[in-house]
Amino acid sequence: MPRVLMTGVRRTAATILGLAVAMLALSAGPASAEPASRPAPAQSGPVNRAGSWLVDGSGRVVVLHGFNIVRKTRPWLPTRLASQDARFLRHEGFNAARIGLAWSAVEPRPGVYNGRYIRRFVRLERLLGRYGIRALVDFHQDLWSARNMPAWASLGSTYSDNFQHFWDNDPASDGVGIQTHYIRAWKHVARNFRNEPDVIAFDPFNEPQAGYRSGCAPFAQCPAFESGELSTFYSAFVRGIRRVDQEHMILAEPVADNNLTAPALTLPNDPRIGTTFHEYCNLTQTATSSGPQDALCQPIDKQGLDAQTDYARQTLGVPTFVGEFSSNDADDDNATMVDLMGSRFLSWTMWMYYTASSDPANTPGQGLLLDDSMPGSEANAKQPKLDAVAVPYATAIAGTPTRTSYDRTTHTYRLSYATRPVPGARLTTRATTIFLPTRAYPRGANITASHATYHRRAHRLIVRARPGADTVRITVIPASAAASPDRH
């Protein structure tokens, strides 16, 4: 999550067409006009792993876009989130949310679990799932915040002391190590979520930091810690979770803000493991509007994404997921990040849905909503931010992604993919799904499909490769005001 306000001092970032042409009509009605009873888009099984890709139950590569939905003060639960919010997010093309539990609420006393709190999160996840929004489940904290971490597990006088006690698994008052307590609490939560098909994965620890013994500054590169204490923790965590849940993905985070160079994290040998990371440009992290700093962030954004993505996909051979970025209203930088992540077929959740100005460590420009007390809607959303992040993209690709782009000036979207499955996947469908936002195509769209057929379903384009086709290419451009789109 946003980190500048937590530390006061941060290191300054310095690095600086084919066949079958037809036209597609898109619905242009507001999100609030969508019937509450309309079922969510079909989802094919839980998210799984095939090599370095996230895939669904049909073997298609899954791409997820969404928001963090986290509350860091009592009751540590986004109680205002309701069906209207989920419908609004779905209408704008978002199919993921990162939801954060607080350890202090899960386990208020050693070995005592708050079942009611956990069940409320399960209900939140199910609400989102009914609208086609999958959940990344996170245990959330900021530099060992006293609000999110239990007092009984805080054995030191500073965050650095507390982290060191945790990595050393020093005992709580009952004689059980606090890291052991943490993994047991997570097992209790995982047991409640294990039969939930709309859970993307478990994110074991938000923004882990080294303890005092490492000598590393907060949010600084710390390879010895990553390859040592942190990797050891993830091995113990995976062993614990697999005793109660063998199906869901686990996405491990490297040191927070170690994003300009490759991490040194090692992962246990598990068929359903990957990484997640946070990508913030410090120059825009507290900005409340776009400005010259946005352009300065572009090479930083690219370097960070390349370092983390290449390490996960090429070095470790696992999928990766951008769990946080933005935190502000610097929307030129937000658009750059979305485009860079899009070109890499990366899944992401933006920080964040709510402004939550009363929560600790938040930044003034964060949030999509204008008024947290009101449900999500077009009228209650920052339109420039939506313009930056609500873009056309392929949500499920029946094959191996090769290239995609979105020209924001002309609103031209392109996708190409090979029809062969990604290594380790077995395709049981030829249907690729593309989201086309009304804000980009208010009068409909002209579609060019090479080696494929397609049809429209609400704001989604369903593309099917022709039998025997090796590749598929799709181009989408806005329909002209004078055009009269027909339906293919």
Protein backbone atom coordinates (compact mmCIF):
# COMPACT_ATOMS: atom_id res chain seq x y z
CA MET A 1 0.00 0.00 0.00
CA PRO A 2 1.08 3.66 -0.05
CA ARG A 3 4.25 3.95 1.95
CA VAL A 4 5.60 7.50 1.83
CA LEU A 5 3.46 8.66 4.75
CA MET A 6 4.49 5.69 6.88
CA THR A 7 8.17 6.36 6.87
CA GLY A 8 8.52 10.06 6.17
CA VAL A 9 11.80 9.33 4.38
CA ARG A 10 12.10 7.25 1.26
CA ARG A 11 14.97 6.77 -1.09
CA THR A 12 14.50 8.91 -4.22
CA ALA A 13 13.87 6.92 -7.36
CA ALA A 14 16.46 7.86 -9.96
CA THR A 15 16.82 5.75 -13.11
CA ILE A 16 15.71 7.08 -15.14
CA LEU A 17 -5.78 -6.92 -41.06
CA GLY A 18 -7.06 -9.82 -42.40
CA LEU A 19 -10.43 -11.44 -42.83
CA ALA A 20 -14.08 -10.88 -41.89
CA VAL A 21 -14.59 -7.15 -41.34
CA ALA A 22 -17.75 -6.27 -39.49
CA MET A 23 -19.06 -3.88 -36.88
CA LEU A 24 -19.98 -4.48 -33.29
CA ALA A 25 -22.60 -2.55 -31.32
CA LEU A 26 -21.89 -2.01 -27.65
CA SER A 27 -24.29 -1.17 -24.87
CA ALA A 28 -23.78 2.39 -23.67
CA GLY A 29 -26.09 2.46 -20.66
CA PRO A 30 -24.83 3.40 -17.20
CA ALA A 31 -23.80 0.75 -14.73
CA SER A 32 -26.75 1.49 -12.51
CA ALA A 33 -29.11 0.48 -15.32
CA GLU A 34 -27.84 -3.10 -15.31
CA PRO A 35 -30.39 -5.42 -13.70
CA ALA A 36 -29.34 -6.72 -10.30
CA SER A 37 -30.56 -10.19 -11.27
CA ARG A 38 -28.29 -10.54 -14.30
CA PRO A 39 -25.86 -13.40 -13.69
CA ALA A 40 -22.14 -12.84 -13.64
CA PRO A 41 -20.09 -13.64 -16.74
CA ALA A 42 -19.36 -17.33 -16.97
CA GLN A 43 -16.13 -18.31 -15.24
CA SER A 44 -14.51 -21.62 -15.95
CA GLY A 45 -13.23 -23.08 -12.71
CA PRO A 46 -10.77 -21.65 -10.20
CA VAL A 47 -7.57 -19.90 -11.19
CA ASN A 48 -4.65 -22.28 -11.50
CA ARG A 49 -1.08 -22.28 -12.78
CA ALA A 50 0.35 -23.55 -16.05
CA GLY A 51 4.06 -22.81 -16.00
CA SER A 52 4.45 -19.04 -15.76
CA TRP A 53 0.80 -18.24 -16.55
CA LEU A 54 -2.42 -18.02 -14.60
CA VAL A 55 -5.09 -20.16 -16.29
CA ASP A 56 -8.74 -21.02 -15.71
CA GLY A 57 -10.43 -24.41 -15.65
CA SER A 58 -10.62 -24.44 -19.47
CA GLY A 59 -6.87 -23.90 -19.81
CA ARG A 60 -7.21 -20.29 -20.98
CA VAL A 61 -4.73 -17.64 -19.85
CA VAL A 62 -6.49 -15.41 -17.33
CA VAL A 63 -5.89 -11.65 -17.08
CA LEU A 64 -7.35 -9.85 -14.07
CA HIS A 65 -7.90 -6.12 -13.49
CA GLY A 66 -9.30 -4.65 -10.30
CA PHE A 67 -8.86 -2.77 -7.05
CA ASN A 68 -7.68 -3.26 -3.52
CA ILE A 69 -10.68 -3.21 -1.18
CA VAL A 70 -9.12 -2.89 2.25
CA ARG A 71 -10.00 -1.22 5.53
CA LYS A 72 -7.12 -0.75 7.96
CA THR A 73 -9.10 0.44 10.99
CA ARG A 74 -11.95 -1.13 12.96
CA PRO A 75 -13.79 -3.24 12.00
CA TRP A 76 -11.00 -4.09 9.50
CA LEU A 77 -13.64 -4.92 6.90
CA PRO A 78 -15.10 -2.87 4.00
CA THR A 79 -18.61 -2.90 5.46
CA ARG A 80 -20.07 -0.48 2.89
CA LEU A 81 -19.32 -2.64 -0.12
CA ALA A 82 -22.61 -3.90 -1.60
CA SER A 83 -24.11 -5.30 -4.79
CA GLN A 84 -24.23 -1.90 -6.47
CA ASP A 85 -20.46 -1.54 -6.05
CA ALA A 86 -19.91 -4.97 -7.57
CA ARG A 87 -22.24 -4.22 -10.50
CA PHE A 88 -20.47 -0.92 -11.10
CA LEU A 89 -17.03 -2.55 -11.08
CA ARG A 90 -18.19 -5.32 -13.39
CA HIS A 91 -19.73 -2.78 -15.80
CA GLU A 92 -16.35 -1.05 -16.07
CA GLY A 93 -14.60 -4.34 -16.82
CA PHE A 94 -13.01 -5.13 -13.47
CA ASN A 95 -12.86 -8.79 -12.58
CA ALA A 96 -10.59 -8.87 -9.53
CA ALA A 97 -10.31 -7.45 -6.02
CA ARG A 98 -7.60 -7.75 -3.40
CA ILE A 99 -9.27 -8.02 -0.01
CA GLY A 100 -7.26 -7.67 3.20
CA LEU A 101 -7.85 -9.26 6.58
CA ALA A 102 -6.12 -8.01 9.74
CA TRP A 103 -4.28 -10.57 11.88
CA SER A 104 -5.32 -8.64 14.99
CA ALA A 105 -8.98 -9.26 14.07
CA VAL A 106 -8.50 -12.86 12.94
CA GLU A 107 -6.68 -13.88 16.15
CA PRO A 108 -7.43 -11.34 18.91
CA ARG A 109 -5.86 -13.61 21.55
CA PRO A 110 -3.28 -16.35 21.09
CA GLY A 111 -4.99 -19.36 19.55
CA VAL A 112 -8.46 -17.75 19.65
CA TYR A 113 -9.99 -17.06 16.23
CA ASN A 114 -12.80 -14.67 15.38
CA GLY A 115 -15.00 -16.92 13.26
CA ARG A 116 -17.62 -14.23 12.69
CA TYR A 117 -15.02 -11.86 11.23
CA ILE A 118 -13.65 -14.53 8.91
CA ARG A 119 -17.13 -15.58 7.75
CA ARG A 120 -17.93 -11.95 6.89
CA PHE A 121 -14.93 -11.95 4.56
CA VAL A 122 -16.14 -15.16 2.95
CA ARG A 123 -19.51 -13.48 2.35
CA LEU A 124 -17.71 -10.46 0.85
CA GLU A 125 -15.76 -12.76 -1.48
CA ARG A 126 -18.98 -14.52 -2.51
CA LEU A 127 -20.72 -11.22 -3.19
CA LEU A 128 -17.91 -10.20 -5.52
CA GLY A 129 -17.90 -13.64 -7.12
CA ARG A 130 -21.57 -13.38 -8.06
CA TYR A 131 -20.59 -10.50 -10.35
CA GLY A 132 -17.58 -12.22 -11.92
CA ILE A 133 -15.03 -10.56 -9.59
CA ARG A 134 -12.41 -12.93 -8.22
CA ALA A 135 -10.61 -12.23 -4.93
CA LEU A 136 -6.94 -12.22 -3.97
CA VAL A 137 -7.03 -12.81 -0.19
CA ASP A 138 -4.37 -10.92 1.77
CA PHE A 139 -3.25 -10.54 5.40
CA HIS A 140 -2.67 -6.79 5.54
CA GLN A 141 -0.26 -4.68 7.61
CA ASP A 142 1.93 -1.57 7.32
CA LEU A 143 5.36 -1.68 8.99
CA TRP A 144 3.89 -3.82 11.77
CA SER A 145 1.02 -1.43 12.40
CA ALA A 146 -0.41 -1.66 15.90
CA ARG A 147 -3.89 -1.58 14.35
CA ASN A 148 -3.39 -4.61 12.11
CA MET A 149 -0.94 -6.73 14.10
CA PRO A 150 -1.93 -8.17 17.51
CA ALA A 151 -0.48 -6.53 20.60
CA TRP A 152 0.25 -9.99 22.02
CA ALA A 153 2.44 -10.78 18.98
CA SER A 154 4.30 -7.44 19.05
CA LEU A 155 7.33 -8.38 21.14
CA GLY A 156 9.54 -5.41 20.33
CA SER A 157 9.47 -1.66 20.78
CA THR A 158 9.91 -0.76 17.10
CA TYR A 159 8.68 -2.18 13.82
CA SER A 160 12.20 -3.49 13.13
CA ASP A 161 12.25 -5.31 16.48
CA ASN A 162 8.79 -6.76 15.85
CA PHE A 163 9.75 -8.06 12.43
CA GLN A 164 12.91 -9.65 13.79
CA HIS A 165 10.99 -11.42 16.55
CA PHE A 166 8.59 -12.67 13.88
CA TRP A 167 11.30 -14.02 11.54
CA ASP A 168 12.97 -15.64 14.57
CA ASN A 169 9.63 -17.18 15.58
CA ASP A 170 10.09 -16.01 19.16
CA PRO A 171 7.39 -17.20 21.57
CA ALA A 172 4.25 -15.37 22.57
CA SER A 173 2.97 -15.52 26.15
CA ASP A 174 1.65 -19.06 25.59
CA GLY A 175 5.10 -20.32 24.59
CA VAL A 176 4.21 -20.77 20.89
CA GLY A 177 6.26 -18.91 18.32
CA ILE A 178 4.50 -15.89 16.82
CA GLN A 179 5.31 -16.97 13.27
CA THR A 180 3.79 -20.36 14.09
CA HIS A 181 0.72 -18.53 15.40
CA TYR A 182 0.54 -16.52 12.17
CA ILE A 183 0.65 -19.59 9.95
CA ARG A 184 -1.96 -21.33 12.11
CA ALA A 185 -4.23 -18.28 11.83
CA TRP A 186 -3.78 -18.33 8.07
CA LYS A 187 -4.60 -22.06 8.00
CA HIS A 188 -7.82 -21.26 9.84
CA VAL A 189 -8.69 -18.62 7.24
CA ALA A 190 -7.68 -20.87 4.33
CA ARG A 191 -9.92 -23.63 5.66
CA ASN A 192 -12.87 -21.23 5.41
CA PHE A 193 -11.98 -20.29 1.81
CA ARG A 194 -10.89 -23.68 0.48
CA ASN A 195 -14.16 -24.45 -1.30
CA GLU A 196 -14.49 -20.98 -2.86
CA PRO A 197 -13.86 -21.16 -6.64
CA ASP A 198 -13.67 -17.37 -7.05
CA VAL A 199 -10.57 -17.00 -4.86
CA ILE A 200 -7.60 -16.20 -7.08
CA ALA A 201 -4.92 -16.94 -4.51
CA PHE A 202 -3.64 -16.32 -1.01
CA ASP A 203 -1.16 -13.44 -0.49
CA PRO A 204 0.64 -14.52 2.71
CA PHE A 205 2.11 -11.24 3.95
CA ASN A 206 1.60 -7.68 2.75
CA GLU A 207 4.88 -5.81 2.23
CA PRO A 208 7.27 -7.91 4.34
CA GLN A 209 10.25 -6.08 5.81
CA ALA A 210 13.56 -7.25 7.20
CA GLY A 211 14.25 -7.07 10.94
CA TYR A 212 17.04 -5.15 12.60
CA ARG A 213 19.60 -7.95 12.19
CA SER A 214 19.75 -7.52 8.42
CA GLY A 215 20.97 -3.95 8.59
CA CYS A 216 18.65 -3.07 5.70
CA ALA A 217 16.65 0.15 5.67
CA PRO A 218 12.86 -0.09 5.27
CA PHE A 219 11.70 -0.52 1.68
CA ALA A 220 15.28 -1.08 0.54
CA GLN A 221 16.75 -3.94 -1.41
CA CYS A 222 17.75 -6.74 0.98
CA PRO A 223 18.79 -9.88 -0.91
CA ALA A 224 20.19 -11.74 2.09
CA PHE A 225 16.87 -11.39 3.91
CA GLU A 226 14.83 -12.35 0.84
CA SER A 227 16.86 -15.47 0.12
CA GLY A 228 17.10 -16.31 3.83
CA GLU A 229 14.47 -15.54 6.45
CA LEU A 230 11.73 -14.54 4.03
CA SER A 231 12.13 -17.58 1.78
CA THR A 232 12.23 -19.83 4.85
CA PHE A 233 8.95 -18.31 6.03
CA TYR A 234 7.28 -18.93 2.67
CA SER A 235 8.36 -22.58 2.76
CA ALA A 236 6.81 -22.99 6.20
CA PHE A 237 3.70 -21.11 5.09
CA VAL A 238 3.14 -23.30 2.03
CA ARG A 239 3.60 -26.48 4.10
CA GLY A 240 1.01 -25.21 6.58
CA ILE A 241 -1.59 -24.11 4.04
CA ARG A 242 -1.30 -27.31 2.00
CA ARG A 243 -2.47 -29.27 5.03
CA VAL A 244 -5.89 -27.63 4.67
CA ASP A 245 -6.03 -26.38 1.05
CA GLN A 246 -4.27 -28.08 -1.85
CA GLU A 247 -6.08 -26.20 -4.63
CA HIS A 248 -5.67 -22.44 -4.32
CA MET A 249 -2.69 -20.52 -5.62
CA ILE A 250 -0.23 -18.92 -3.17
CA LEU A 251 1.47 -15.71 -4.35
CA ALA A 252 4.53 -14.68 -2.35
CA GLU A 253 5.74 -11.08 -2.07
CA PRO A 254 9.40 -10.03 -2.12
CA VAL A 255 10.56 -7.10 -0.01
CA ALA A 256 8.30 -4.13 -0.55
CA ASP A 257 9.72 -1.53 -2.95
CA ASN A 258 12.49 -3.84 -4.12
CA ASN A 259 11.17 -3.14 -7.59
CA LEU A 260 13.98 -1.62 -9.65
CA THR A 261 16.14 -4.73 -9.46
CA ALA A 262 15.28 -8.40 -9.49
CA PRO A 263 14.48 -9.87 -6.07
CA ALA A 264 16.43 -12.73 -4.49
CA LEU A 265 13.39 -14.68 -3.35
CA THR A 266 13.34 -18.45 -3.65
CA LEU A 267 10.10 -20.41 -3.65
CA PRO A 268 9.22 -23.89 -2.43
CA ASN A 269 8.52 -26.55 -5.03
CA ASP A 270 4.74 -26.30 -5.23
CA PRO A 271 2.55 -26.70 -8.35
CA ARG A 272 0.33 -23.75 -7.40
CA ILE A 273 2.78 -21.03 -6.42
CA GLY A 274 3.74 -17.68 -7.91
CA THR A 275 4.72 -14.18 -6.88
CA THR A 276 3.00 -10.86 -6.37
CA PHE A 277 4.66 -7.47 -6.08
CA HIS A 278 3.93 -3.77 -5.68
CA GLU A 279 5.07 -1.20 -8.21
CA TYR A 280 5.11 2.41 -6.98
CA CYS A 281 6.93 5.35 -8.48
CA ASN A 282 7.90 7.55 -5.53
CA LEU A 283 7.70 10.69 -7.64
CA THR A 284 3.91 10.36 -8.07
CA GLN A 285 3.01 8.46 -4.92
CA THR A 286 1.46 11.45 -3.16
CA ALA A 287 0.51 13.47 -6.24
CA THR A 288 -3.10 14.61 -6.45
CA SER A 289 -3.00 15.31 -10.19
CA SER A 290 -0.87 14.60 -13.23
CA GLY A 291 2.18 16.73 -13.83
CA PRO A 292 5.80 16.66 -15.03
CA GLN A 293 6.56 13.90 -12.53
CA ASP A 294 4.35 11.48 -14.48
CA ALA A 295 6.68 11.46 -17.47
CA LEU A 296 9.68 11.01 -15.17
CA CYS A 297 8.05 7.89 -13.78
CA GLN A 298 7.71 6.13 -17.14
CA PRO A 299 11.23 4.63 -17.28
CA ILE A 300 11.02 3.76 -13.58
CA ASP A 301 7.72 1.98 -14.10
CA LYS A 302 9.14 0.02 -17.03
CA GLN A 303 12.31 -0.96 -15.22
CA GLY A 304 10.42 -2.15 -12.16
CA LEU A 305 7.89 -4.17 -14.13
CA ASP A 306 10.61 -5.74 -16.26
CA ALA A 307 12.73 -6.68 -13.24
CA GLN A 308 9.91 -8.31 -11.29
CA THR A 309 8.15 -9.94 -14.25
CA ASP A 310 11.31 -11.40 -15.77
CA TYR A 311 12.42 -12.75 -12.41
CA ALA A 312 9.10 -14.50 -11.82
CA ARG A 313 8.41 -15.79 -15.33
CA GLN A 314 11.93 -16.50 -16.57
CA THR A 315 14.08 -17.14 -13.51
CA LEU A 316 11.52 -18.84 -11.28
CA GLY A 317 9.17 -20.01 -14.04
CA VAL A 318 6.03 -18.97 -12.15
CA PRO A 319 3.18 -16.49 -12.72
CA THR A 320 3.24 -13.05 -11.15
CA PHE A 321 0.57 -10.51 -10.19
CA VAL A 322 0.84 -6.75 -9.51
CA GLY A 323 -0.95 -6.47 -6.15
CA GLU A 324 -0.61 -2.69 -5.77
CA PHE A 325 0.26 0.39 -7.81
CA SER A 326 -0.80 4.05 -8.06
CA SER A 327 -2.33 5.26 -4.72
CA ASN A 328 -2.90 8.67 -6.31
CA ASP A 329 -4.64 10.79 -8.95
CA ALA A 330 -1.58 11.15 -11.18
CA ASP A 331 -3.59 9.63 -14.01
CA ASP A 332 -1.02 10.02 -16.78
CA ASP A 333 1.25 7.76 -14.74
CA ASN A 334 -1.69 5.47 -13.94
CA ALA A 335 -2.38 5.12 -17.68
CA THR A 336 1.28 4.41 -18.37
CA MET A 337 1.30 1.67 -15.75
CA VAL A 338 -1.89 0.09 -17.12
CA ASP A 339 -0.49 0.10 -20.65
CA LEU A 340 2.85 -1.35 -19.56
CA MET A 341 1.17 -4.09 -17.55
CA GLY A 342 -1.23 -4.72 -20.41
CA SER A 343 1.57 -5.24 -22.91
CA ARG A 344 2.96 -7.95 -20.59
CA PHE A 345 -0.46 -9.59 -20.02
CA LEU A 346 -0.04 -8.90 -16.29
CA SER A 347 -2.90 -9.12 -13.84
CA TRP A 348 -3.25 -6.27 -11.36
CA THR A 349 -5.20 -4.69 -8.52
CA MET A 350 -4.86 -0.94 -8.09
CA TRP A 351 -4.53 0.83 -4.74
CA MET A 352 -7.42 1.42 -4.11
CA TYR A 353 -11.25 1.50 -4.39
CA TYR A 354 -11.97 3.66 -1.33
CA THR A 355 -10.34 6.98 -0.46
CA ALA A 356 -10.35 5.86 3.20
CA SER A 357 -8.79 9.13 4.31
CA SER A 358 -9.06 8.15 7.99
CA ASP A 359 -7.00 4.98 7.53
CA PRO A 360 -3.33 5.18 8.53
CA ALA A 361 -0.63 5.42 5.87
CA ASN A 362 -3.00 6.37 3.07
CA THR A 363 -2.26 9.07 0.52
CA PRO A 364 -4.47 12.03 -0.41
CA GLY A 365 -5.12 11.06 -4.03
CA GLN A 366 -5.89 7.40 -3.54
CA GLY A 367 -9.30 5.91 -4.20
CA LEU A 368 -11.63 5.60 -7.16
CA LEU A 369 -14.72 6.86 -5.38
CA LEU A 370 -15.50 10.52 -4.77
CA ASP A 371 -17.53 9.79 -1.63
CA ASP A 372 -16.85 6.65 0.39
CA SER A 373 -20.22 6.88 2.09
CA MET A 374 -22.03 6.32 -1.23
CA PRO A 375 -22.01 3.19 -3.41
CA GLY A 376 -19.91 3.02 -6.53
CA SER A 377 -21.46 4.54 -9.66
CA GLU A 378 -20.52 6.68 -12.63
CA ALA A 379 -21.61 9.76 -10.69
CA ASN A 380 -19.54 8.74 -7.65
CA ALA A 381 -16.31 7.86 -9.45
CA LYS A 382 -13.30 9.86 -10.54
CA GLN A 383 -13.81 9.84 -14.29
CA PRO A 384 -10.21 10.72 -15.22
CA LYS A 385 -9.02 7.76 -13.16
CA LEU A 386 -11.54 5.48 -14.83
CA ASP A 387 -10.39 6.76 -18.21
CA ALA A 388 -6.85 5.80 -17.21
CA VAL A 389 -7.57 2.29 -15.95
CA ALA A 390 -10.83 1.03 -17.54
CA VAL A 391 -9.43 -0.17 -20.87
CA PRO A 392 -10.12 -2.89 -23.44
CA TYR A 393 -8.30 -6.11 -22.62
CA ALA A 394 -8.54 -9.86 -23.06
CA THR A 395 -9.80 -11.42 -19.84
CA ALA A 396 -9.40 -15.05 -20.96
CA ILE A 397 -7.24 -16.15 -23.90
CA ALA A 398 -7.73 -19.54 -25.52
CA GLY A 399 -4.11 -20.03 -26.47
CA THR A 400 -0.69 -18.50 -25.97
CA PRO A 401 -0.65 -14.68 -25.82
CA THR A 402 1.82 -13.08 -28.18
CA ARG A 403 1.08 -9.36 -28.44
CA THR A 404 -1.43 -6.76 -27.35
CA SER A 405 -1.66 -2.96 -27.41
CA TYR A 406 -4.07 -0.10 -26.85
CA ASP A 407 -3.66 3.28 -28.57
CA ARG A 408 -5.34 5.79 -26.28
CA THR A 409 -5.48 8.50 -28.94
CA THR A 410 -7.39 6.45 -31.52
CA HIS A 411 -8.82 3.86 -29.09
CA THR A 412 -7.41 1.13 -31.30
CA TYR A 413 -7.07 -2.19 -29.48
CA ARG A 414 -5.08 -5.10 -30.89
CA LEU A 415 -4.60 -8.67 -29.71
CA SER A 416 -2.77 -11.59 -31.25
CA TYR A 417 -2.32 -15.08 -29.87
CA ALA A 418 -1.31 -18.54 -30.96
CA THR A 419 -4.05 -21.14 -30.68
CA ARG A 420 -1.77 -23.67 -28.98
CA PRO A 421 -2.17 -23.76 -25.19
CA VAL A 422 0.53 -22.40 -22.90
CA PRO A 423 2.88 -25.15 -21.65
CA GLY A 424 1.21 -27.21 -18.96
CA ALA A 425 -2.36 -26.26 -19.92
CA ARG A 426 -5.03 -28.28 -21.69
CA LEU A 427 -7.48 -26.17 -23.68
CA THR A 428 -11.08 -27.34 -23.69
CA THR A 429 -12.54 -24.30 -25.47
CA ARG A 430 -11.63 -22.01 -28.38
CA ALA A 431 -13.45 -19.02 -26.82
CA THR A 432 -11.37 -15.93 -26.03
CA THR A 433 -13.12 -13.13 -24.13
CA ILE A 434 -12.30 -9.44 -24.60
CA PHE A 435 -13.78 -6.61 -22.55
CA LEU A 436 -14.67 -3.48 -24.58
CA PRO A 437 -15.54 -0.48 -22.39
CA THR A 438 -18.31 1.87 -23.40
CA ARG A 439 -16.10 4.83 -22.51
CA ALA A 440 -13.74 3.85 -25.36
CA TYR A 441 -16.46 2.76 -27.82
CA PRO A 442 -19.56 4.85 -27.04
CA ARG A 443 -21.13 4.31 -30.51
CA GLY A 444 -19.97 0.77 -30.99
CA ALA A 445 -16.87 -0.63 -32.65
CA ASN A 446 -15.52 -1.92 -35.93
CA ILE A 447 -13.93 -5.33 -35.53
CA THR A 448 -11.40 -7.03 -37.77
CA ALA A 449 -10.88 -10.72 -37.01
CA SER A 450 -8.22 -12.83 -38.67
CA HIS A 451 -8.75 -16.62 -38.62
CA ALA A 452 -11.62 -16.30 -36.15
CA THR A 453 -15.32 -15.68 -35.70
CA TYR A 454 -16.83 -13.55 -32.96
CA HIS A 455 -20.03 -12.33 -31.34
CA ARG A 456 -20.97 -9.74 -28.75
CA ARG A 457 -22.27 -10.44 -25.26
CA ALA A 458 -23.00 -7.13 -23.51
CA HIS A 459 -19.59 -5.40 -23.24
CA ARG A 460 -17.67 -8.56 -24.01
CA LEU A 461 -16.42 -9.80 -27.36
CA ILE A 462 -16.28 -13.59 -27.64
CA VAL A 463 -13.74 -14.71 -30.24
CA ARG A 464 -13.34 -18.29 -31.49
CA ALA A 465 -10.46 -19.47 -33.61
CA ARG A 466 -11.48 -21.19 -36.82
CA PRO A 467 -10.69 -24.91 -36.95
CA GLY A 468 -7.09 -25.43 -38.03
CA ALA A 469 -6.01 -21.83 -37.37
CA ASP A 470 -2.57 -21.41 -35.82
CA THR A 471 -2.92 -17.76 -34.89
CA VAL A 472 -5.67 -15.24 -34.27
CA ARG A 473 -5.47 -11.46 -34.65
CA ILE A 474 -8.15 -9.03 -33.51
CA THR A 475 -8.31 -5.26 -34.14
CA VAL A 476 -10.96 -3.03 -32.58
CA ILE A 477 -11.54 0.62 -33.53
CA PRO A 478 -14.39 2.96 -32.58
CA ALA A 479 -17.38 3.13 -34.91
CA SER A 480 -17.91 6.53 -36.49
CA ALA A 481 -20.84 8.66 -35.40
CA ALA A 482 -22.48 8.14 -38.81
CA ALA A 483 -21.96 4.38 -38.84
CA SER A 484 -24.83 1.98 -38.35
CA PRO A 485 -23.20 -1.07 -36.75
CA ASP A 486 -24.53 -4.46 -37.65
CA ARG A 487 -24.19 -7.53 -35.47
CA HIS A 488 -21.92 -10.38 -36.45
